[in-house]
Amino acid sequence: MNFLKYTARLLLVLSLVILGAKTSFASDIQDVPEGYWAQDAITDCVNRGYFKLDASGNFYPNGTIQRGAFLSSLLKVIESDDAVKGAKAYFKDVSASSSYNKDIAVGQNIGIIFGYPDKTFKPKEAITRTEATSVIANISKVKMGDKSILEEFSDAGEIPNWALNSYALAVDSKLYVNYPEPDKFNPKSKMTRAEAAVLFAKMAKDFDLLKLKYAKGEQDVFLRNETLTTYNKAPRTLVKIYNNKKIIEAGNVIMAHPIEAINTKTIAKGALLTFIAPEDVYTDEGTLLYKKGAIFNAKVHAVKNRIWTNKQNKALFIFDNAKYPNDTEKEMAAVAYTTNKGRVVFVTDANSKKKYKESAKQLSKGDFLLKYVDKLIPVIKTQIDANEDIYLLLTGDLIIPNGSDL
C-alpha cells in the first residue's frame, strides 16, 4: 500500500526550500556528534524548518517531545500548519491563548488528532511512540491495515488495541521508528526528538517524490478553494477544487426538488425518494459543479405518527446517493434542511429573518461536524409538492468526479 497515494489530499502547496532559511550542517548542531544514528534526519529537519536549535546550537536529540510540539512540526511537514483559517480547538485544556491553540485547532479540523476521552489534549505531555504512530496513521485516511504484518515484531502484544491498525499502516508505509532494536516497537516509550526527526525526514522524502508525481499529473492536485452560496445562511460555503474532482464540504447547502409529491400522512418507513437538481450549479467564482438533472436519492428512516388526526406526521429521510447526468454515482450524506422545530426551509423563505434565525456566521468544518450534525432534526412535517424546491444540508463531503458535470 503506497503511503503517497493517501497523503496527496492533505497537501496544499509543496515546497522544497524554506525561503530565507539558513542552511545548517551536521557540524552546526552542537549536541549531535558525527556518526549519530539520526544525524542526517536531524540535519534535514532543521534545514526544512521542522525543528529549531536553541541559542547555543543544541537540538537535544535524546529529549522527549511534547504532544503539542510534535503536532506543530508534523503540520509543517505536510504543509498544513495554516490550512484551516478560523478553526477552533475544542479541548478543555487548550485555551485560546495557548501557544499550541492554532495548530491543535488545525489538527483537529483535518482529522488527525482526537485527544483523550475526557476531552483533553494534554499538549505539554511527552508524546509516546504509540500516540505519534496513531497521529501519522490518521493522515493516510485509510481505514484498515493488515495486522498480520505486526507478527514479526516481538513486542507487538504490547500495542494497545486501539492502535493496532495504526501500527499496521505505519509498518506498511515504513513510517515507524524501532532503533536500536529492529524487532521491537517499544510502543509505551516516550518518543525522543531524534526519533521524531527520523519520522519527519522519511515523510518529507516521500512528499518530495510526490511533488515530482504531481508534475506528471499522476496524483490528486489541490488547486484552490472556492465558494458556494446557495443559501445565504448556510453553515459552510467552502468548495475545494482539485485537478480531477470537486468537493462540496460538509455544512454546505444545495437545492433539489422531489419528482413526485411527498405526503407525510401516507409515507411509509423504508420508502425511497428521488430528488433532482433544478438547475446547473456553479461556485461563486464560476466553476461548474454539476448540471441540472443530477439525482439525489433518499430513504425514509422513520415516521412519527401524531396523536391528533388533523396534524401531519413527521417523516425523517436521509440522502445517501448522488447520480450525475453522465451516470457517475457517488455516496453522499445529507438531510432536508430544517429549523430546530422541524419546519422545512423552502426556497421562498430563504431570506426571511422573521421566521428563521439561523446564524449567518461561517463555521469551520470541525465546528459544523462537532456542533451541528447531531443536533439537527431532519424531519418533514409539511407536504412537499412535486418540483417544489427545498434545501438539502450536506452532513458529509459531496465528491463530484471530473466528467460528472458533462
Protein backbone atom coordinates (compact mmCIF):
# COMPACT_ATOMS: atom_id res chain seq x y z
CA MET A 1 0.00 0.00 0.00
CA ASN A 2 1.53 3.28 -1.13
CA PHE A 3 1.51 5.97 1.57
CA LEU A 4 1.94 8.66 -1.08
CA LYS A 5 -1.41 7.82 -2.64
CA TYR A 6 -3.30 8.66 0.50
CA THR A 7 -1.46 11.73 1.71
CA ALA A 8 -1.86 13.71 -1.50
CA ARG A 9 -5.19 15.24 -0.50
CA LEU A 10 -3.68 16.92 2.56
CA LEU A 11 -1.04 18.90 0.72
CA LEU A 12 -1.91 22.44 -0.26
CA VAL A 13 1.42 23.53 -1.79
CA LEU A 14 4.60 21.50 -1.77
CA SER A 15 7.86 23.44 -1.47
CA LEU A 16 11.37 22.09 -1.22
CA VAL A 17 13.04 25.11 0.32
CA ILE A 18 12.00 27.49 3.08
CA LEU A 19 12.85 30.88 1.65
CA GLY A 20 15.29 32.84 3.70
CA ALA A 21 16.16 29.92 5.97
CA LYS A 22 19.74 29.40 6.97
CA THR A 23 21.22 26.10 5.87
CA SER A 24 22.60 24.04 8.72
CA PHE A 25 25.30 21.41 8.51
CA ALA A 26 25.86 18.49 10.83
CA SER A 27 28.76 20.31 12.44
CA ASP A 28 26.47 23.25 13.32
CA ILE A 29 24.38 21.09 15.66
CA GLN A 30 26.46 21.07 18.81
CA ASP A 31 24.95 18.07 20.63
CA VAL A 32 24.62 15.70 17.65
CA PRO A 33 28.02 14.02 17.23
CA GLU A 34 29.39 12.86 13.91
CA GLY A 35 28.04 9.40 13.11
CA TYR A 36 25.00 9.70 15.43
CA TRP A 37 22.32 7.28 14.19
CA ALA A 38 19.79 10.05 13.39
CA GLN A 39 22.31 12.71 12.32
CA ASP A 40 21.18 13.04 8.70
CA ALA A 41 17.48 13.14 9.61
CA ILE A 42 18.03 15.79 12.29
CA THR A 43 20.05 17.98 9.94
CA ASP A 44 17.42 17.60 7.23
CA CYS A 45 14.56 18.53 9.59
CA VAL A 46 16.42 21.57 10.96
CA ASN A 47 17.10 22.80 7.41
CA ARG A 48 13.46 22.33 6.45
CA GLY A 49 12.32 24.31 9.48
CA TYR A 50 10.53 21.48 11.28
CA PHE A 51 12.72 21.98 14.37
CA LYS A 52 14.76 24.86 15.73
CA LEU A 53 18.06 24.80 17.57
CA ASP A 54 18.48 26.73 20.81
CA ALA A 55 20.74 29.77 21.07
CA SER A 56 23.76 27.53 21.64
CA GLY A 57 23.03 25.35 18.59
CA ASN A 58 21.70 22.37 20.57
CA PHE A 59 18.98 20.02 19.31
CA TYR A 60 18.57 17.76 22.39
CA PRO A 61 18.17 14.54 20.37
CA ASN A 62 17.52 12.33 23.40
CA GLY A 63 15.00 14.67 24.96
CA THR A 64 11.27 13.94 24.74
CA ILE A 65 8.92 15.96 22.56
CA GLN A 66 5.64 17.39 23.78
CA ARG A 67 2.38 16.38 22.13
CA GLY A 68 1.73 19.96 21.04
CA ALA A 69 5.24 20.42 19.66
CA PHE A 70 5.04 17.12 17.77
CA LEU A 71 1.81 18.24 16.10
CA SER A 72 3.26 21.66 15.23
CA SER A 73 6.23 20.05 13.48
CA LEU A 74 4.03 17.49 11.73
CA LEU A 75 1.80 20.20 10.28
CA LYS A 76 4.89 21.84 8.81
CA VAL A 77 5.88 18.52 7.23
CA ILE A 78 2.52 18.11 5.49
CA GLU A 79 2.29 21.82 4.64
CA SER A 80 -0.97 22.19 6.59
CA ASP A 81 0.08 24.36 9.52
CA ASP A 82 -2.17 27.16 8.23
CA ALA A 83 -4.62 25.12 6.18
CA VAL A 84 -7.82 25.91 8.06
CA LYS A 85 -8.32 29.55 8.86
CA GLY A 86 -10.70 30.29 11.69
CA ALA A 87 -10.58 26.77 13.11
CA LYS A 88 -11.12 26.40 16.85
CA ALA A 89 -9.77 23.83 19.28
CA TYR A 90 -12.39 22.05 21.38
CA PHE A 91 -10.30 20.61 24.19
CA LYS A 92 -10.89 21.62 27.79
CA ASP A 93 -7.20 22.17 28.46
CA VAL A 94 -6.40 24.20 25.33
CA SER A 95 -7.21 27.87 25.82
CA ALA A 96 -7.44 30.49 23.09
CA SER A 97 -4.18 31.99 24.40
CA SER A 98 -2.28 28.69 24.29
CA SER A 99 0.78 28.70 22.05
CA TYR A 100 -0.49 25.46 20.52
CA ASN A 101 -4.11 26.59 20.06
CA LYS A 102 -3.89 27.24 16.34
CA ASP A 103 -2.03 24.03 15.50
CA ILE A 104 -4.32 21.90 17.64
CA ALA A 105 -7.35 23.51 16.01
CA VAL A 106 -5.98 22.72 12.55
CA GLY A 107 -5.02 19.15 13.53
CA GLN A 108 -8.48 18.56 14.96
CA ASN A 109 -10.18 20.13 11.95
CA ILE A 110 -8.38 17.98 9.37
CA GLY A 111 -8.99 14.88 11.46
CA ILE A 112 -5.53 13.75 12.55
CA ILE A 113 -5.90 14.27 16.32
CA PHE A 114 -8.74 13.34 18.65
CA GLY A 115 -7.43 13.78 22.19
CA TYR A 116 -8.45 11.81 25.26
CA PRO A 117 -11.91 10.54 26.31
CA ASP A 118 -12.13 13.27 28.96
CA LYS A 119 -11.98 15.88 26.14
CA THR A 120 -8.43 17.00 26.92
CA PHE A 121 -5.39 17.06 24.64
CA LYS A 122 -2.55 17.45 27.16
CA PRO A 123 -0.32 19.42 24.77
CA LYS A 124 2.61 19.70 27.19
CA GLU A 125 2.88 16.00 27.98
CA ALA A 126 5.59 13.97 26.25
CA ILE A 127 4.18 12.03 23.32
CA THR A 128 4.58 8.24 23.26
CA ARG A 129 5.63 6.21 20.26
CA THR A 130 2.10 4.81 20.05
CA GLU A 131 0.47 8.23 20.09
CA ALA A 132 2.83 9.52 17.43
CA THR A 133 2.21 6.46 15.26
CA SER A 134 -1.55 6.94 15.57
CA VAL A 135 -1.43 10.60 14.56
CA ILE A 136 0.69 9.87 11.49
CA ALA A 137 -1.58 6.97 10.50
CA ASN A 138 -4.57 9.31 10.61
CA ILE A 139 -3.05 11.32 7.77
CA SER A 140 -3.47 8.48 5.30
CA LYS A 141 -7.28 8.30 5.74
CA VAL A 142 -7.02 4.56 5.08
CA LYS A 143 -9.44 2.68 7.29
CA MET A 144 -7.84 -0.75 7.62
CA GLY A 145 -4.33 -2.18 7.60
CA ASP A 146 -3.14 -5.80 7.54
CA LYS A 147 -2.42 -6.52 11.21
CA SER A 148 -0.61 -9.76 10.38
CA ILE A 149 2.33 -7.59 9.36
CA LEU A 150 2.95 -6.94 13.07
CA GLU A 151 3.70 -10.58 13.87
CA GLU A 152 7.39 -10.21 13.03
CA PHE A 153 7.86 -7.83 15.98
CA SER A 154 8.44 -9.46 19.36
CA ASP A 155 6.56 -6.89 21.44
CA ALA A 156 3.53 -6.41 19.18
CA GLY A 157 1.42 -7.71 22.05
CA GLU A 158 2.19 -4.53 24.00
CA ILE A 159 0.45 -2.33 21.43
CA PRO A 160 -2.92 -1.08 22.75
CA ASN A 161 -5.90 -2.46 20.81
CA TRP A 162 -6.92 1.00 19.68
CA ALA A 163 -3.54 1.49 17.99
CA LEU A 164 -3.11 -1.87 16.23
CA ASN A 165 -4.48 -0.61 12.94
CA SER A 166 -2.28 2.49 13.13
CA TYR A 167 0.84 0.34 13.60
CA ALA A 168 -0.18 -1.92 10.71
CA LEU A 169 -0.49 1.12 8.43
CA ALA A 170 2.77 2.58 9.74
CA VAL A 171 4.75 -0.60 9.12
CA ASP A 172 3.23 -0.99 5.67
CA SER A 173 4.30 2.58 4.85
CA LYS A 174 7.66 2.22 6.64
CA LEU A 175 6.78 5.20 8.82
CA TYR A 176 7.85 3.97 12.21
CA VAL A 177 11.00 4.04 14.37
CA ASN A 178 12.44 0.99 16.11
CA TYR A 179 16.02 1.97 16.80
CA PRO A 180 18.09 0.40 18.31
CA GLU A 181 16.10 -2.88 18.38
CA PRO A 182 14.75 -3.61 14.90
CA ASP A 183 12.44 -6.40 16.12
CA LYS A 184 10.71 -4.22 18.73
CA PHE A 185 8.35 -1.25 18.73
CA ASN A 186 8.64 -0.25 22.40
CA PRO A 187 5.16 1.27 21.98
CA LYS A 188 4.92 2.59 25.54
CA SER A 189 8.18 4.52 25.37
CA LYS A 190 8.24 8.29 25.14
CA MET A 191 9.31 9.42 21.70
CA THR A 192 12.59 11.31 21.54
CA ARG A 193 13.25 14.35 19.37
CA ALA A 194 15.70 12.27 17.32
CA GLU A 195 13.03 9.62 16.67
CA ALA A 196 10.53 12.30 15.65
CA ALA A 197 13.11 13.77 13.26
CA VAL A 198 13.60 10.36 11.63
CA LEU A 199 9.85 10.03 11.06
CA PHE A 200 9.51 13.54 9.67
CA ALA A 201 12.54 13.15 7.39
CA LYS A 202 11.02 9.95 5.95
CA MET A 203 7.73 11.73 5.32
CA ALA A 204 9.46 14.73 3.75
CA LYS A 205 11.34 12.46 1.37
CA ASP A 206 8.07 10.85 0.31
CA PHE A 207 6.49 14.26 -0.22
CA ASP A 208 9.42 15.42 -2.33
CA LEU A 209 8.86 12.39 -4.56
CA LEU A 210 5.16 13.17 -4.58
CA LYS A 211 5.91 16.63 -5.94
CA LEU A 212 7.51 15.00 -8.97
CA LYS A 213 4.42 12.85 -9.45
CA TYR A 214 2.23 15.95 -9.27
CA ALA A 215 4.13 17.42 -12.18
CA LYS A 216 3.24 14.34 -14.23
CA GLY A 217 -0.43 14.52 -13.26
CA GLU A 218 -0.42 11.13 -11.57
CA GLN A 219 -1.95 12.21 -8.25
CA ASP A 220 -4.72 14.41 -6.89
CA VAL A 221 -3.61 18.02 -7.07
CA PHE A 222 -5.32 20.61 -4.89
CA LEU A 223 -5.84 23.74 -6.96
CA ARG A 224 -7.85 26.28 -4.95
CA ASN A 225 -10.72 27.00 -2.60
CA GLU A 226 -13.95 28.44 -3.99
CA THR A 227 -17.32 29.45 -2.53
CA LEU A 228 -20.89 28.19 -2.91
CA THR A 229 -23.67 30.40 -1.54
CA THR A 230 -26.84 28.57 -2.47
CA TYR A 231 -28.33 29.72 0.81
CA ASN A 232 -27.03 32.86 2.46
CA LYS A 233 -27.02 31.43 5.98
CA ALA A 234 -25.54 28.02 5.25
CA PRO A 235 -23.12 26.83 7.97
CA ARG A 236 -20.42 26.30 5.33
CA THR A 237 -19.74 27.65 1.84
CA LEU A 238 -16.33 26.12 1.05
CA VAL A 239 -15.72 24.09 -2.12
CA LYS A 240 -12.31 22.51 -2.79
CA ILE A 241 -11.22 22.29 -6.42
CA TYR A 242 -8.78 19.54 -7.46
CA ASN A 243 -7.39 18.55 -10.83
CA ASN A 244 -9.75 15.58 -11.03
CA LYS A 245 -12.71 16.36 -8.74
CA LYS A 246 -14.61 18.98 -6.81
CA ILE A 247 -15.55 18.58 -3.15
CA ILE A 248 -18.50 20.45 -1.67
CA GLU A 249 -17.66 20.29 2.02
CA ALA A 250 -20.00 19.17 4.79
CA GLY A 251 -22.10 22.08 6.02
CA ASN A 252 -22.88 23.43 2.56
CA VAL A 253 -26.46 23.68 1.36
CA ILE A 254 -27.65 22.59 -2.09
CA MET A 255 -31.07 22.69 -3.74
CA ALA A 256 -33.30 19.92 -5.12
CA HIS A 257 -36.95 19.05 -5.68
CA PRO A 258 -38.81 15.73 -5.44
CA ILE A 259 -40.02 14.09 -8.65
CA GLU A 260 -43.37 13.45 -7.01
CA ALA A 261 -45.28 14.91 -4.08
CA ILE A 262 -44.34 13.78 -0.58
CA ASN A 263 -47.22 13.41 1.86
CA THR A 264 -46.16 12.68 5.43
CA LYS A 265 -49.64 11.39 6.27
CA THR A 266 -49.20 8.42 3.98
CA ILE A 267 -45.44 7.96 3.60
CA ALA A 268 -44.03 4.70 4.98
CA LYS A 269 -40.77 3.82 6.64
CA GLY A 270 -38.34 2.42 4.09
CA ALA A 271 -39.81 4.38 1.20
CA LEU A 272 -37.30 5.56 -1.40
CA LEU A 273 -37.46 9.17 -2.53
CA THR A 274 -35.85 10.77 -5.57
CA PHE A 275 -34.90 14.44 -5.81
CA ILE A 276 -33.49 16.28 -8.84
CA ALA A 277 -31.23 19.33 -9.14
CA PRO A 278 -33.40 22.05 -10.73
CA GLU A 279 -30.54 23.92 -12.40
CA ASP A 280 -26.82 23.86 -13.19
CA VAL A 281 -24.79 24.56 -10.04
CA TYR A 282 -21.77 26.86 -10.17
CA THR A 283 -19.45 28.21 -7.50
CA ASP A 284 -19.48 31.95 -6.95
CA GLU A 285 -16.21 32.04 -8.91
CA GLY A 286 -17.83 30.36 -11.93
CA THR A 287 -16.73 26.70 -11.72
CA LEU A 288 -19.44 24.27 -12.83
CA LEU A 289 -20.00 21.68 -10.08
CA TYR A 290 -22.81 19.60 -11.57
CA LYS A 291 -25.52 20.05 -14.19
CA LYS A 292 -29.28 20.27 -13.99
CA GLY A 293 -30.80 16.82 -13.62
CA ALA A 294 -28.37 15.43 -11.05
CA ILE A 295 -30.28 12.95 -8.91
CA PHE A 296 -30.18 12.72 -5.12
CA ASN A 297 -31.74 9.62 -3.58
CA ALA A 298 -33.11 9.43 -0.05
CA LYS A 299 -34.67 6.77 2.15
CA VAL A 300 -37.33 7.29 4.83
CA HIS A 301 -35.70 6.14 8.07
CA ALA A 302 -38.58 6.82 10.44
CA VAL A 303 -42.16 8.05 10.57
CA LYS A 304 -43.56 9.50 13.77
CA ASN A 305 -47.36 9.43 13.99
CA ARG A 306 -49.06 12.44 15.51
CA ILE A 307 -51.70 12.00 18.21
CA TRP A 308 -54.14 14.45 16.65
CA THR A 309 -55.64 13.29 13.37
CA ASN A 310 -55.58 16.76 11.89
CA LYS A 311 -51.81 17.06 12.33
CA GLN A 312 -49.20 15.93 9.86
CA ASN A 313 -46.94 13.00 10.68
CA LYS A 314 -43.20 13.59 10.87
CA ALA A 315 -41.00 11.76 8.39
CA LEU A 316 -37.23 11.51 8.71
CA PHE A 317 -35.39 10.88 5.48
CA ILE A 318 -31.68 10.86 4.79
CA PHE A 319 -29.95 11.26 1.42
CA ASP A 320 -27.25 8.67 0.73
CA ASN A 321 -26.64 8.58 -3.02
CA ALA A 322 -25.95 11.08 -5.80
CA LYS A 323 -26.14 10.27 -9.51
CA TYR A 324 -24.95 12.81 -12.06
CA PRO A 325 -26.20 13.27 -15.65
CA ASN A 326 -23.33 11.20 -17.10
CA ASP A 327 -24.38 8.28 -14.80
CA THR A 328 -21.46 8.75 -12.41
CA GLU A 329 -22.61 7.73 -8.91
CA LYS A 330 -21.16 8.67 -5.53
CA GLU A 331 -22.21 8.19 -1.93
CA MET A 332 -23.50 11.28 -0.18
CA ALA A 333 -24.77 12.28 3.25
CA ALA A 334 -27.46 14.95 3.52
CA VAL A 335 -30.76 15.78 5.18
CA ALA A 336 -33.64 18.08 4.34
CA TYR A 337 -32.56 21.41 5.78
CA THR A 338 -34.77 22.26 8.74
CA THR A 339 -35.01 24.71 11.57
CA ASN A 340 -34.75 23.41 15.11
CA LYS A 341 -38.53 22.97 15.14
CA GLY A 342 -38.56 20.68 12.16
CA ARG A 343 -40.02 23.12 9.61
CA VAL A 344 -38.63 22.72 6.13
CA VAL A 345 -36.76 25.78 4.91
CA PHE A 346 -38.24 26.35 1.47
CA VAL A 347 -36.60 28.44 -1.23
CA THR A 348 -39.24 31.14 -0.96
CA ASP A 349 -38.41 31.57 2.73
CA ALA A 350 -34.64 31.61 2.32
CA ASN A 351 -34.13 35.22 3.33
CA SER A 352 -36.93 35.54 5.86
CA LYS A 353 -35.39 36.99 9.03
CA LYS A 354 -38.68 36.77 10.91
CA LYS A 355 -39.25 33.06 10.51
CA TYR A 356 -35.72 31.70 10.51
CA LYS A 357 -32.98 32.86 12.80
CA GLU A 358 -30.03 30.69 11.85
CA SER A 359 -26.67 32.32 12.43
CA ALA A 360 -25.01 33.66 9.30
CA LYS A 361 -21.58 33.10 10.88
CA GLN A 362 -19.37 30.85 8.78
CA LEU A 363 -18.37 27.71 10.69
CA SER A 364 -15.20 25.74 10.20
CA LYS A 365 -15.75 22.18 9.05
CA GLY A 366 -14.78 20.99 12.51
CA ASP A 367 -17.29 23.38 14.10
CA PHE A 368 -20.03 22.07 11.85
CA LEU A 369 -19.32 18.39 12.42
CA LEU A 370 -18.92 18.78 16.17
CA LYS A 371 -21.73 21.20 16.92
CA TYR A 372 -24.31 20.91 14.18
CA VAL A 373 -24.84 17.45 12.71
CA ASP A 374 -26.02 15.51 15.76
CA LYS A 375 -28.31 18.36 16.84
CA LEU A 376 -30.30 18.55 13.60
CA ILE A 377 -33.91 17.44 13.49
CA PRO A 378 -34.11 16.47 9.81
CA VAL A 379 -37.88 15.89 9.56
CA ILE A 380 -40.58 16.89 7.12
CA LYS A 381 -43.95 17.74 8.64
CA THR A 382 -45.49 19.59 5.74
CA GLN A 383 -46.38 18.19 2.34
CA ILE A 384 -43.88 18.85 -0.42
CA ASP A 385 -45.29 19.21 -3.90
CA ALA A 386 -43.61 17.70 -6.92
CA ASN A 387 -40.98 20.06 -8.35
CA GLU A 388 -41.08 22.26 -5.23
CA ASP A 389 -37.51 23.28 -4.44
CA ILE A 390 -36.12 22.67 -0.95
CA TYR A 391 -32.68 22.91 0.56
CA LEU A 392 -30.54 19.91 1.43
CA LEU A 393 -27.87 20.26 4.13
CA LEU A 394 -24.75 18.19 3.44
CA THR A 395 -23.70 16.30 6.56
CA GLY A 396 -20.72 14.79 4.74
CA ASP A 397 -18.50 15.95 1.88
CA LEU A 398 -20.10 15.65 -1.57
CA ILE A 399 -17.44 14.46 -4.03
CA ILE A 400 -18.02 15.26 -7.71
CA PRO A 401 -15.56 13.50 -10.04
CA ASN A 402 -14.49 15.37 -13.17
CA GLY A 403 -16.80 14.38 -16.01
CA SER A 404 -19.84 14.45 -13.70
CA ASP A 405 -20.50 17.98 -14.95
CA LEU A 406 -20.87 16.83 -18.57
